[in-house]
Amino acid sequence: MQLDGKLGQFSLHELIEMTVYSSVAGVLEIGTGDGRGRIFFRDGLPYHAVYGDCVGFEAVCLMFQRRTDPFRFVAGEVCSDETLALDPWDMIERAEEQAQRWGQVRPRIPSLNWIPTLCTTNAEHIQISEGVWPVLSAVDGQRSVAAIAGFLNLAVLDVCLALISLLDQGLIIIKQPLPALLTPRPSSHLPTSGFFERLIAGIPDLEGAAHKPLLADLTNETEPHLRAQRK
């Protein structure tokens, strides 16, 4: 059995729901070629997902970013890997929430390579939550968005949302880095940005994206000290 069409006729949410209710085994494919994502089902339950160099829930989140890609369901295909253990309804809810949040980020932060920089403000009232404060403290005009996430060991999406809060209050601006700063060098201290770069850039074609680190090595970077007072 094979079902095919384009997202827009059915959402990925609906396609997963139909597969779950049908209790079938097989694979749901989103996209084609190197940009293809695959979710494997057993008795209607998702047990493995892969998209480019990402697997599991991260791969599902990537697929929920797609809106017009072709899809097809091929019954009977199996995979020995198991990277999903979530309840399918919980997986759908969480993946849709992630997609919505990244949709808020992309217009404000064009790339994870861009660099937040402190700026002066005349605002009389500034509110900085406990979760946003560490991100503000890590803004030094040199670290990129992704580097801040690696430095603080925080999820990139959480860092981006904190930076948007700081942007809204006029405490920072985000600048495109100079071309010389974009030269990739390997680093054992920071994650490669393949998955998150695709999220923030709208997930272009994944061809050649795997194993392509984009972040500069910050191992020898001297940490500046930001002195700020909470009001």
Protein backbone atom coordinates (compact mmCIF):
# COMPACT_ATOMS: atom_id res chain seq x y z
CA MET A 1 0.00 0.00 0.00
CA GLN A 2 1.26 3.48 -0.84
CA LEU A 3 -0.24 6.92 -0.22
CA ASP A 4 1.28 10.08 -1.66
CA GLY A 5 0.53 13.77 -2.10
CA LYS A 6 1.81 17.15 -0.96
CA LEU A 7 1.80 18.83 2.41
CA GLY A 8 -0.94 21.40 2.19
CA GLN A 9 -3.41 18.75 1.14
CA PHE A 10 -2.73 17.14 4.51
CA SER A 11 -0.63 18.50 7.35
CA LEU A 12 2.04 16.34 8.95
CA HIS A 13 -0.14 16.38 12.07
CA GLU A 14 -2.99 14.80 10.10
CA LEU A 15 -0.74 12.29 8.38
CA ILE A 16 0.65 11.03 11.69
CA GLU A 17 -2.86 10.87 13.14
CA MET A 18 -4.13 8.81 10.20
CA THR A 19 -1.20 6.42 10.52
CA VAL A 20 -1.76 5.98 14.25
CA TYR A 21 -5.49 5.33 13.84
CA SER A 22 -4.81 2.86 11.01
CA SER A 23 -2.40 0.83 13.20
CA VAL A 24 -0.24 0.13 10.16
CA ALA A 25 3.47 -0.54 9.80
CA GLY A 26 5.60 1.34 7.32
CA VAL A 27 7.38 4.64 6.72
CA LEU A 28 6.06 8.16 6.17
CA GLU A 29 8.45 10.12 3.93
CA ILE A 30 8.52 13.92 3.74
CA GLY A 31 10.43 15.53 0.88
CA THR A 32 12.69 13.87 -1.67
CA GLY A 33 16.36 13.13 -2.21
CA ASP A 34 18.86 14.32 0.40
CA GLY A 35 16.18 16.55 1.93
CA ARG A 36 13.92 13.60 2.71
CA GLY A 37 12.67 12.96 6.23
CA ARG A 38 11.36 9.55 7.31
CA ILE A 39 9.18 8.48 10.24
CA PHE A 40 8.84 4.72 10.80
CA PHE A 41 5.72 3.22 12.37
CA ARG A 42 5.00 -0.14 13.93
CA ASP A 43 1.34 -0.97 14.65
CA GLY A 44 0.64 2.71 14.05
CA LEU A 45 3.18 3.94 16.64
CA PRO A 46 6.23 5.99 15.58
CA TYR A 47 9.48 4.38 16.69
CA HIS A 48 12.20 5.98 14.56
CA ALA A 49 12.69 9.25 12.67
CA VAL A 50 15.57 10.53 10.57
CA TYR A 51 16.02 13.74 8.61
CA GLY A 52 19.42 14.48 7.11
CA ASP A 53 21.92 14.00 9.92
CA CYS A 54 19.30 14.29 12.66
CA VAL A 55 17.35 11.47 14.28
CA GLY A 56 14.53 11.08 16.79
CA PHE A 57 12.46 14.00 17.99
CA GLU A 58 14.82 16.57 16.43
CA ALA A 59 14.18 15.01 13.05
CA VAL A 60 10.42 15.16 13.62
CA CYS A 61 10.71 18.87 14.53
CA LEU A 62 12.51 19.51 11.26
CA MET A 63 9.75 17.81 9.31
CA PHE A 64 7.09 19.89 11.04
CA GLN A 65 8.81 22.96 9.57
CA ARG A 66 7.95 21.79 6.07
CA ARG A 67 4.77 23.14 4.51
CA THR A 68 4.68 22.23 0.80
CA ASP A 69 6.95 19.19 0.42
CA PRO A 70 5.70 16.01 -1.24
CA PHE A 71 4.96 13.09 1.04
CA ARG A 72 4.30 9.39 0.67
CA PHE A 73 3.54 6.49 2.98
CA VAL A 74 4.99 3.11 2.08
CA ALA A 75 3.54 0.18 4.01
CA GLY A 76 5.72 -2.64 5.23
CA GLU A 77 9.08 -0.84 5.37
CA VAL A 78 10.94 -1.39 8.64
CA CYS A 79 14.08 -0.09 10.33
CA SER A 80 16.22 -1.63 13.06
CA ASP A 81 16.83 1.75 14.76
CA GLU A 82 14.53 3.00 17.50
CA THR A 83 14.90 6.68 18.39
CA LEU A 84 11.34 7.62 19.36
CA ALA A 85 9.64 6.60 22.59
CA LEU A 86 7.17 9.48 22.91
CA ASP A 87 3.43 9.07 22.94
CA PRO A 88 2.45 10.11 19.39
CA TRP A 89 0.02 12.79 20.58
CA ASP A 90 2.67 14.24 22.89
CA MET A 91 5.18 14.13 20.03
CA ILE A 92 2.82 16.00 17.71
CA GLU A 93 2.03 18.67 20.31
CA ARG A 94 5.65 19.26 21.22
CA ALA A 95 6.86 19.31 17.60
CA GLU A 96 4.16 21.80 16.59
CA GLU A 97 5.08 24.01 19.54
CA GLN A 98 8.75 23.91 18.52
CA ALA A 99 7.84 24.79 14.95
CA GLN A 100 5.76 27.75 16.12
CA ARG A 101 8.55 29.05 18.37
CA TRP A 102 11.14 28.79 15.62
CA GLY A 103 8.71 30.67 13.40
CA GLN A 104 8.95 33.56 15.90
CA VAL A 105 12.73 33.40 15.95
CA ARG A 106 13.60 33.35 12.24
CA PRO A 107 12.40 36.88 11.35
CA ARG A 108 14.35 38.37 14.28
CA ILE A 109 17.55 36.29 14.19
CA PRO A 110 18.51 35.56 10.57
CA SER A 111 21.40 33.21 11.37
CA LEU A 112 22.98 31.50 14.36
CA ASN A 113 26.28 32.98 13.18
CA TRP A 114 25.06 36.52 13.85
CA ILE A 115 26.53 38.27 16.88
CA PRO A 116 24.51 39.95 19.66
CA THR A 117 26.01 43.23 20.90
CA LEU A 118 25.07 45.32 23.92
CA CYS A 119 23.72 48.78 23.31
CA THR A 120 22.67 51.71 25.47
CA THR A 121 19.04 52.32 26.26
CA ASN A 122 17.02 55.14 27.78
CA ALA A 123 14.29 52.83 29.01
CA GLU A 124 13.19 53.65 32.56
CA HIS A 125 11.97 50.14 33.33
CA ILE A 126 13.87 47.05 32.31
CA GLN A 127 12.66 43.58 33.20
CA ILE A 128 15.12 40.74 32.96
CA SER A 129 13.93 37.34 34.08
CA GLU A 130 16.11 34.82 35.83
CA GLY A 131 16.26 32.74 32.65
CA VAL A 132 17.27 35.68 30.44
CA TRP A 133 19.96 37.06 32.73
CA PRO A 134 22.67 34.46 31.93
CA VAL A 135 22.18 35.09 28.20
CA LEU A 136 22.58 38.84 28.71
CA SER A 137 25.73 38.19 30.74
CA ALA A 138 27.21 36.15 27.88
CA VAL A 139 26.66 38.86 25.26
CA ASP A 140 30.10 40.36 24.60
CA GLY A 141 29.97 41.49 20.98
CA GLN A 142 32.15 38.54 19.92
CA ARG A 143 30.18 35.37 20.61
CA SER A 144 27.66 34.32 18.00
CA VAL A 145 24.18 33.16 18.95
CA ALA A 146 25.25 29.52 18.66
CA ALA A 147 28.46 30.20 20.60
CA ILE A 148 26.44 31.70 23.46
CA ALA A 149 24.31 28.57 23.56
CA GLY A 150 27.43 26.40 23.69
CA PHE A 151 29.09 28.62 26.31
CA LEU A 152 26.05 28.46 28.59
CA ASN A 153 25.20 24.84 27.72
CA LEU A 154 21.63 25.89 26.90
CA ALA A 155 19.26 24.85 24.13
CA VAL A 156 19.70 27.10 21.10
CA LEU A 157 15.98 27.81 20.90
CA ASP A 158 15.91 28.98 24.54
CA VAL A 159 18.87 31.29 23.88
CA CYS A 160 17.17 32.73 20.79
CA LEU A 161 13.96 33.45 22.70
CA ALA A 162 15.96 35.14 25.48
CA LEU A 163 17.76 37.27 22.88
CA ILE A 164 14.43 38.30 21.37
CA SER A 165 13.33 39.49 24.82
CA LEU A 166 16.51 41.59 25.04
CA LEU A 167 15.95 42.90 21.51
CA ASP A 168 12.41 43.96 22.43
CA GLN A 169 13.76 45.97 25.37
CA GLY A 170 16.44 47.64 23.26
CA LEU A 171 19.30 46.16 25.29
CA ILE A 172 21.03 44.47 22.37
CA ILE A 173 21.28 44.50 18.62
CA ILE A 174 22.27 41.52 16.48
CA LYS A 175 24.82 42.10 13.74
CA GLN A 176 25.98 40.05 10.81
CA PRO A 177 29.58 38.93 11.45
CA LEU A 178 32.48 40.06 9.32
CA PRO A 179 33.34 37.54 6.54
CA ALA A 180 36.62 36.62 8.24
CA LEU A 181 34.70 35.44 11.31
CA LEU A 182 32.71 32.94 9.26
CA THR A 183 35.71 30.73 8.44
CA PRO A 184 34.87 27.37 9.99
CA ARG A 185 37.33 25.76 12.36
CA PRO A 186 36.74 22.53 14.26
CA SER A 187 35.90 22.73 17.94
CA SER A 188 35.41 20.02 20.51
CA HIS A 189 33.66 22.42 22.88
CA LEU A 190 30.68 23.53 20.82
CA PRO A 191 28.04 21.57 18.92
CA THR A 192 27.92 21.79 15.17
CA SER A 193 25.06 23.95 14.02
CA GLY A 194 23.69 21.81 11.18
CA PHE A 195 20.31 21.03 12.74
CA PHE A 196 19.67 24.48 14.22
CA GLU A 197 20.99 26.36 11.18
CA ARG A 198 18.45 24.51 9.05
CA LEU A 199 15.70 25.38 11.51
CA ILE A 200 16.53 29.06 11.65
CA ALA A 201 17.09 29.37 7.91
CA GLY A 202 13.80 27.71 7.05
CA ILE A 203 15.46 24.34 6.47
CA PRO A 204 16.87 24.57 2.94
CA ASP A 205 18.06 21.56 0.98
CA LEU A 206 20.09 19.31 3.25
CA GLU A 207 22.49 18.18 0.54
CA GLY A 208 26.02 18.47 1.82
CA ALA A 209 24.88 19.82 5.18
CA ALA A 210 25.85 16.79 7.19
CA HIS A 211 29.20 16.97 8.96
CA LYS A 212 29.75 20.60 8.00
CA PRO A 213 30.62 22.56 11.18
CA LEU A 214 29.89 26.25 10.93
CA LEU A 215 31.10 27.59 14.27
CA ALA A 216 34.51 29.07 14.96
CA ASP A 217 36.67 27.48 17.63
CA LEU A 218 36.35 29.53 20.78
CA THR A 219 38.75 27.47 22.88
CA ASN A 220 41.28 30.30 23.30
CA GLU A 221 38.76 33.07 23.59
CA THR A 222 39.22 35.23 26.65
CA GLU A 223 35.98 35.64 28.51
CA PRO A 224 35.13 39.29 29.18
CA HIS A 225 33.30 40.18 32.35
CA LEU A 226 30.02 41.99 32.02
CA ARG A 227 29.14 44.14 34.97
CA ALA A 228 25.45 44.87 35.18
CA GLN A 229 23.16 45.83 37.98
CA ARG A 230 19.66 44.55 38.35
CA LYS A 231 17.24 47.32 39.03
